[in-house]
Amino acid sequence: MPSEILEQIREQVAFFERTHPLEDPSERRERELKKRKAEEARKMREAEDKQLATANSWESWFAAIDQRIKQWWGAEGELLKDGIGGALGTIRKQVRDEFKHAIDTFEAKLAALEGRQD
């Protein structure tokens, strides 16, 4: 009976050695090095792809903004120009009126001072 068990163990060990052969340590190191290099190359490609995607997204973002500006200055641009022009015209009139009033006030005070001196 012990010899039968020993024989079964030997068969199992032989089977294991056939299915899992010993490998040369230098071959294992070389295989691991290749695997590491492949992984590093993959990570670099992913980083480059991500960077390129970011650059493309910015370019598409700026293109979309440019398109919006062209739309506003196209069909709706006239309304926008009229609105801005009207607002600037109103402000210009107010500033002109304020300056006219300030000049008139200054001239009146100057005339009063000249009248005193005479």
N, C-alpha and C. Protein backbone atom coordinates (compact mmCIF):
# COMPACT_ATOMS: atom_id res chain seq x y z
N MET A 1 0.81 -1.19 0.00
CA MET A 1 0.00 0.00 0.00
C MET A 1 0.85 1.26 0.00
N PRO A 2 1.89 1.39 0.84
CA PRO A 2 2.71 2.59 0.76
C PRO A 2 3.38 2.73 -0.59
N SER A 3 3.72 1.62 -1.22
CA SER A 3 4.36 1.72 -2.53
C SER A 3 3.37 2.23 -3.58
N GLU A 4 2.08 1.89 -3.43
CA GLU A 4 1.07 2.39 -4.36
C GLU A 4 0.90 3.89 -4.20
N ILE A 5 0.89 4.35 -2.97
CA ILE A 5 0.77 5.79 -2.70
C ILE A 5 1.99 6.51 -3.25
N LEU A 6 3.17 5.93 -3.00
CA LEU A 6 4.39 6.53 -3.49
C LEU A 6 4.38 6.60 -5.03
N GLU A 7 3.88 5.57 -5.65
CA GLU A 7 3.79 5.54 -7.12
C GLU A 7 2.84 6.61 -7.63
N GLN A 8 1.72 6.82 -6.95
CA GLN A 8 0.75 7.86 -7.33
C GLN A 8 1.38 9.26 -7.19
N ILE A 9 2.12 9.43 -6.11
CA ILE A 9 2.80 10.72 -5.90
C ILE A 9 3.79 10.97 -7.02
N ARG A 10 4.57 9.95 -7.39
CA ARG A 10 5.54 10.10 -8.48
C ARG A 10 4.83 10.45 -9.79
N GLU A 11 3.70 9.81 -10.04
CA GLU A 11 2.94 10.12 -11.25
C GLU A 11 2.45 11.57 -11.25
N GLN A 12 1.97 12.00 -10.09
CA GLN A 12 1.50 13.38 -9.97
C GLN A 12 2.64 14.37 -10.17
N VAL A 13 3.79 14.09 -9.58
CA VAL A 13 4.96 14.97 -9.74
C VAL A 13 5.39 14.99 -11.20
N ALA A 14 5.42 13.84 -11.85
CA ALA A 14 5.80 13.76 -13.26
C ALA A 14 4.82 14.56 -14.12
N PHE A 15 3.53 14.42 -13.83
CA PHE A 15 2.51 15.16 -14.58
C PHE A 15 2.71 16.68 -14.38
N PHE A 16 2.94 17.07 -13.15
CA PHE A 16 3.14 18.50 -12.86
C PHE A 16 4.37 19.03 -13.59
N GLU A 17 5.45 18.26 -13.58
CA GLU A 17 6.67 18.70 -14.25
C GLU A 17 6.47 18.79 -15.76
N ARG A 18 5.63 17.92 -16.34
CA ARG A 18 5.34 18.00 -17.77
C ARG A 18 4.50 19.23 -18.09
N THR A 19 3.53 19.50 -17.27
CA THR A 19 2.62 20.63 -17.53
C THR A 19 3.19 21.96 -17.07
N HIS A 20 4.13 21.97 -16.15
CA HIS A 20 4.75 23.19 -15.64
C HIS A 20 6.28 23.05 -15.70
N PRO A 21 6.84 23.08 -16.88
CA PRO A 21 8.29 22.88 -16.98
C PRO A 21 9.05 24.02 -16.31
N LEU A 22 10.21 23.71 -15.81
CA LEU A 22 11.06 24.73 -15.21
C LEU A 22 11.57 25.65 -16.30
N GLU A 23 11.63 26.94 -15.99
CA GLU A 23 12.11 27.86 -17.00
C GLU A 23 13.42 28.49 -16.55
N ASP A 24 14.14 28.92 -17.53
CA ASP A 24 15.42 29.56 -17.29
C ASP A 24 15.16 30.95 -16.68
N PRO A 25 15.84 31.32 -15.59
CA PRO A 25 15.61 32.63 -14.98
C PRO A 25 15.88 33.79 -15.94
N SER A 26 16.87 33.66 -16.81
CA SER A 26 17.15 34.74 -17.75
C SER A 26 16.01 34.89 -18.76
N GLU A 27 15.39 33.78 -19.16
CA GLU A 27 14.25 33.85 -20.06
C GLU A 27 13.07 34.54 -19.36
N ARG A 28 12.87 34.23 -18.08
CA ARG A 28 11.79 34.85 -17.33
C ARG A 28 12.02 36.36 -17.21
N ARG A 29 13.27 36.77 -16.90
CA ARG A 29 13.58 38.19 -16.80
C ARG A 29 13.34 38.89 -18.14
N GLU A 30 13.77 38.24 -19.22
CA GLU A 30 13.58 38.83 -20.54
C GLU A 30 12.09 38.97 -20.87
N ARG A 31 11.31 37.96 -20.56
CA ARG A 31 9.87 38.01 -20.79
C ARG A 31 9.22 39.12 -19.96
N GLU A 32 9.63 39.25 -18.70
CA GLU A 32 9.09 40.30 -17.84
C GLU A 32 9.49 41.69 -18.33
N LEU A 33 10.73 41.80 -18.82
CA LEU A 33 11.20 43.08 -19.36
C LEU A 33 10.38 43.48 -20.59
N LYS A 34 10.14 42.53 -21.48
CA LYS A 34 9.31 42.80 -22.66
C LYS A 34 7.90 43.22 -22.25
N LYS A 35 7.38 42.53 -21.24
CA LYS A 35 6.03 42.84 -20.76
C LYS A 35 5.99 44.26 -20.19
N ARG A 36 7.02 44.62 -19.40
CA ARG A 36 7.10 45.96 -18.82
C ARG A 36 7.20 47.03 -19.90
N LYS A 37 8.05 46.78 -20.92
CA LYS A 37 8.20 47.74 -22.00
C LYS A 37 6.89 47.92 -22.77
N ALA A 38 6.20 46.81 -23.01
CA ALA A 38 4.92 46.88 -23.70
C ALA A 38 3.91 47.69 -22.89
N GLU A 39 3.91 47.50 -21.57
CA GLU A 39 3.00 48.24 -20.70
C GLU A 39 3.34 49.73 -20.71
N GLU A 40 4.63 50.06 -20.65
CA GLU A 40 5.05 51.47 -20.70
C GLU A 40 4.65 52.11 -22.03
N ALA A 41 4.84 51.38 -23.13
CA ALA A 41 4.47 51.89 -24.44
C ALA A 41 2.96 52.12 -24.52
N ARG A 42 2.18 51.20 -23.94
CA ARG A 42 0.73 51.36 -23.92
C ARG A 42 0.32 52.60 -23.14
N LYS A 43 0.96 52.82 -21.98
CA LYS A 43 0.64 53.99 -21.17
C LYS A 43 1.00 55.28 -21.89
N MET A 44 2.13 55.26 -22.59
CA MET A 44 2.54 56.46 -23.34
C MET A 44 1.54 56.75 -24.47
N ARG A 45 1.09 55.70 -25.15
CA ARG A 45 0.09 55.90 -26.22
C ARG A 45 -1.20 56.45 -25.65
N GLU A 46 -1.61 55.94 -24.50
CA GLU A 46 -2.83 56.44 -23.87
C GLU A 46 -2.68 57.91 -23.48
N ALA A 47 -1.52 58.28 -22.93
CA ALA A 47 -1.28 59.67 -22.56
C ALA A 47 -1.29 60.58 -23.79
N GLU A 48 -0.66 60.13 -24.87
CA GLU A 48 -0.65 60.92 -26.10
C GLU A 48 -2.06 61.06 -26.67
N ASP A 49 -2.82 59.97 -26.63
CA ASP A 49 -4.20 60.03 -27.12
C ASP A 49 -5.03 60.99 -26.29
N LYS A 50 -4.82 60.95 -24.98
CA LYS A 50 -5.57 61.85 -24.09
C LYS A 50 -5.20 63.30 -24.37
N GLN A 51 -3.91 63.56 -24.55
CA GLN A 51 -3.44 64.91 -24.84
C GLN A 51 -4.00 65.39 -26.18
N LEU A 52 -3.99 64.52 -27.17
CA LEU A 52 -4.52 64.87 -28.48
C LEU A 52 -6.02 65.13 -28.40
N ALA A 53 -6.72 64.32 -27.63
CA ALA A 53 -8.16 64.52 -27.47
C ALA A 53 -8.45 65.86 -26.80
N THR A 54 -7.63 66.22 -25.80
CA THR A 54 -7.80 67.50 -25.12
C THR A 54 -7.56 68.64 -26.10
N ALA A 55 -6.50 68.55 -26.89
CA ALA A 55 -6.20 69.59 -27.87
C ALA A 55 -7.34 69.70 -28.88
N ASN A 56 -7.84 68.56 -29.35
CA ASN A 56 -8.94 68.58 -30.30
C ASN A 56 -10.20 69.15 -29.69
N SER A 57 -10.43 68.88 -28.40
CA SER A 57 -11.62 69.41 -27.77
C SER A 57 -11.53 70.92 -27.64
N TRP A 58 -10.33 71.46 -27.35
CA TRP A 58 -10.16 72.91 -27.30
C TRP A 58 -10.37 73.53 -28.67
N GLU A 59 -9.81 72.88 -29.70
CA GLU A 59 -9.98 73.40 -31.05
C GLU A 59 -11.45 73.40 -31.44
N SER A 60 -12.16 72.36 -31.12
CA SER A 60 -13.58 72.31 -31.45
C SER A 60 -14.37 73.33 -30.63
N TRP A 61 -13.93 73.55 -29.39
CA TRP A 61 -14.59 74.56 -28.54
C TRP A 61 -14.42 75.94 -29.14
N PHE A 62 -13.19 76.28 -29.54
CA PHE A 62 -12.95 77.59 -30.13
C PHE A 62 -13.69 77.73 -31.46
N ALA A 63 -13.74 76.67 -32.24
CA ALA A 63 -14.47 76.72 -33.50
C ALA A 63 -15.96 76.97 -33.25
N ALA A 64 -16.51 76.36 -32.20
CA ALA A 64 -17.92 76.57 -31.87
C ALA A 64 -18.16 78.01 -31.44
N ILE A 65 -17.24 78.58 -30.67
CA ILE A 65 -17.37 79.98 -30.25
C ILE A 65 -17.32 80.89 -31.47
N ASP A 66 -16.35 80.64 -32.37
CA ASP A 66 -16.25 81.45 -33.59
C ASP A 66 -17.54 81.37 -34.40
N GLN A 67 -18.10 80.18 -34.49
CA GLN A 67 -19.34 80.01 -35.24
C GLN A 67 -20.47 80.81 -34.61
N ARG A 68 -20.54 80.78 -33.27
CA ARG A 68 -21.58 81.56 -32.59
C ARG A 68 -21.42 83.05 -32.85
N ILE A 69 -20.19 83.54 -32.81
CA ILE A 69 -19.95 84.96 -33.07
C ILE A 69 -20.38 85.32 -34.48
N LYS A 70 -20.04 84.47 -35.44
CA LYS A 70 -20.45 84.72 -36.82
C LYS A 70 -21.97 84.73 -36.95
N GLN A 71 -22.64 83.85 -36.22
CA GLN A 71 -24.11 83.83 -36.27
C GLN A 71 -24.67 85.14 -35.73
N TRP A 72 -24.15 85.60 -34.62
CA TRP A 72 -24.66 86.83 -34.02
C TRP A 72 -24.41 88.03 -34.91
N TRP A 73 -23.24 88.07 -35.52
CA TRP A 73 -22.95 89.22 -36.38
C TRP A 73 -23.55 89.05 -37.76
N GLY A 74 -24.12 87.89 -38.02
CA GLY A 74 -24.78 87.65 -39.31
C GLY A 74 -26.22 88.11 -39.25
N ALA A 75 -27.12 87.20 -39.08
CA ALA A 75 -28.55 87.49 -39.11
C ALA A 75 -28.98 88.37 -37.94
N GLU A 76 -28.58 88.00 -36.75
CA GLU A 76 -29.00 88.76 -35.57
C GLU A 76 -28.03 89.89 -35.26
N GLY A 77 -26.96 89.96 -36.01
CA GLY A 77 -25.95 90.98 -35.76
C GLY A 77 -26.46 92.39 -35.95
N GLU A 78 -27.35 92.55 -36.92
CA GLU A 78 -27.91 93.89 -37.16
C GLU A 78 -28.69 94.36 -35.93
N LEU A 79 -29.47 93.48 -35.33
CA LEU A 79 -30.19 93.84 -34.11
C LEU A 79 -29.23 94.18 -32.99
N LEU A 80 -28.15 93.39 -32.89
CA LEU A 80 -27.16 93.63 -31.85
C LEU A 80 -26.45 94.96 -32.08
N LYS A 81 -26.08 95.21 -33.34
CA LYS A 81 -25.42 96.48 -33.66
C LYS A 81 -26.34 97.66 -33.36
N ASP A 82 -27.61 97.53 -33.74
CA ASP A 82 -28.57 98.61 -33.48
C ASP A 82 -28.72 98.85 -31.98
N GLY A 83 -28.78 97.77 -31.21
CA GLY A 83 -28.92 97.91 -29.76
C GLY A 83 -27.71 98.58 -29.13
N ILE A 84 -26.53 98.13 -29.53
CA ILE A 84 -25.30 98.74 -28.98
C ILE A 84 -25.18 100.19 -29.44
N GLY A 85 -25.46 100.42 -30.71
CA GLY A 85 -25.38 101.79 -31.23
C GLY A 85 -26.36 102.72 -30.53
N GLY A 86 -27.56 102.22 -30.29
CA GLY A 86 -28.56 103.04 -29.59
C GLY A 86 -28.12 103.36 -28.17
N ALA A 87 -27.58 102.37 -27.48
CA ALA A 87 -27.12 102.60 -26.11
C ALA A 87 -25.97 103.59 -26.08
N LEU A 88 -25.01 103.43 -27.01
CA LEU A 88 -23.89 104.37 -27.06
C LEU A 88 -24.36 105.77 -27.45
N GLY A 89 -25.35 105.85 -28.34
CA GLY A 89 -25.90 107.16 -28.71
C GLY A 89 -26.54 107.85 -27.52
N THR A 90 -27.27 107.10 -26.71
CA THR A 90 -27.92 107.66 -25.52
C THR A 90 -26.86 108.16 -24.53
N ILE A 91 -25.84 107.35 -24.31
CA ILE A 91 -24.77 107.76 -23.38
C ILE A 91 -24.05 108.99 -23.92
N ARG A 92 -23.80 109.01 -25.22
CA ARG A 92 -23.11 110.16 -25.83
C ARG A 92 -23.93 111.44 -25.62
N LYS A 93 -25.25 111.35 -25.80
CA LYS A 93 -26.12 112.52 -25.61
C LYS A 93 -26.07 112.98 -24.16
N GLN A 94 -26.11 112.03 -23.23
CA GLN A 94 -26.05 112.41 -21.81
C GLN A 94 -24.74 113.10 -21.48
N VAL A 95 -23.63 112.55 -21.97
CA VAL A 95 -22.32 113.15 -21.69
C VAL A 95 -22.23 114.53 -22.32
N ARG A 96 -22.72 114.66 -23.55
CA ARG A 96 -22.70 115.97 -24.21
C ARG A 96 -23.52 116.99 -23.42
N ASP A 97 -24.71 116.60 -22.96
CA ASP A 97 -25.55 117.49 -22.17
C ASP A 97 -24.87 117.88 -20.86
N GLU A 98 -24.20 116.91 -20.21
CA GLU A 98 -23.50 117.21 -18.95
C GLU A 98 -22.35 118.18 -19.19
N PHE A 99 -21.58 117.96 -20.26
CA PHE A 99 -20.49 118.88 -20.56
C PHE A 99 -21.03 120.27 -20.89
N LYS A 100 -22.12 120.35 -21.66
CA LYS A 100 -22.71 121.65 -22.02
C LYS A 100 -23.15 122.38 -20.76
N HIS A 101 -23.79 121.63 -19.85
CA HIS A 101 -24.22 122.24 -18.60
C HIS A 101 -23.01 122.71 -17.78
N ALA A 102 -21.97 121.91 -17.70
CA ALA A 102 -20.77 122.29 -16.95
C ALA A 102 -20.10 123.51 -17.57
N ILE A 103 -20.04 123.56 -18.88
CA ILE A 103 -19.42 124.72 -19.56
C ILE A 103 -20.26 125.97 -19.32
N ASP A 104 -21.59 125.86 -19.44
CA ASP A 104 -22.48 127.00 -19.20
C ASP A 104 -22.32 127.50 -17.76
N THR A 105 -22.25 126.56 -16.80
CA THR A 105 -22.08 126.93 -15.39
C THR A 105 -20.74 127.63 -15.20
N PHE A 106 -19.69 127.09 -15.81
CA PHE A 106 -18.36 127.69 -15.69
C PHE A 106 -18.34 129.10 -16.29
N GLU A 107 -18.94 129.26 -17.47
CA GLU A 107 -18.99 130.58 -18.12
C GLU A 107 -19.76 131.57 -17.27
N ALA A 108 -20.85 131.12 -16.65
CA ALA A 108 -21.64 132.01 -15.80
C ALA A 108 -20.83 132.42 -14.58
N LYS A 109 -20.12 131.50 -13.97
CA LYS A 109 -19.30 131.85 -12.80
C LYS A 109 -18.15 132.75 -13.22
N LEU A 110 -17.56 132.49 -14.37
CA LEU A 110 -16.47 133.32 -14.86
C LEU A 110 -16.96 134.74 -15.13
N ALA A 111 -18.15 134.84 -15.74
CA ALA A 111 -18.71 136.16 -16.03
C ALA A 111 -19.01 136.90 -14.73
N ALA A 112 -19.48 136.18 -13.71
CA ALA A 112 -19.78 136.81 -12.42
C ALA A 112 -18.48 137.29 -11.78
N LEU A 113 -17.42 136.51 -11.88
CA LEU A 113 -16.12 136.92 -11.32
C LEU A 113 -15.56 138.12 -12.06
N GLU A 114 -15.71 138.13 -13.37
CA GLU A 114 -15.23 139.28 -14.16
C GLU A 114 -16.03 140.52 -13.83
N GLY A 115 -17.35 140.35 -13.58
CA GLY A 115 -18.20 141.48 -13.22
C GLY A 115 -17.78 142.07 -11.86
N ARG A 116 -17.35 141.26 -10.97
CA ARG A 116 -16.90 141.75 -9.66
C ARG A 116 -15.62 142.54 -9.77
N GLN A 117 -14.78 142.09 -10.68
CA GLN A 117 -13.47 142.74 -10.81
C GLN A 117 -13.61 144.12 -11.44
N ASP A 118 -14.64 144.30 -12.24
CA ASP A 118 -14.82 145.59 -12.89
C ASP A 118 -15.32 146.58 -11.94
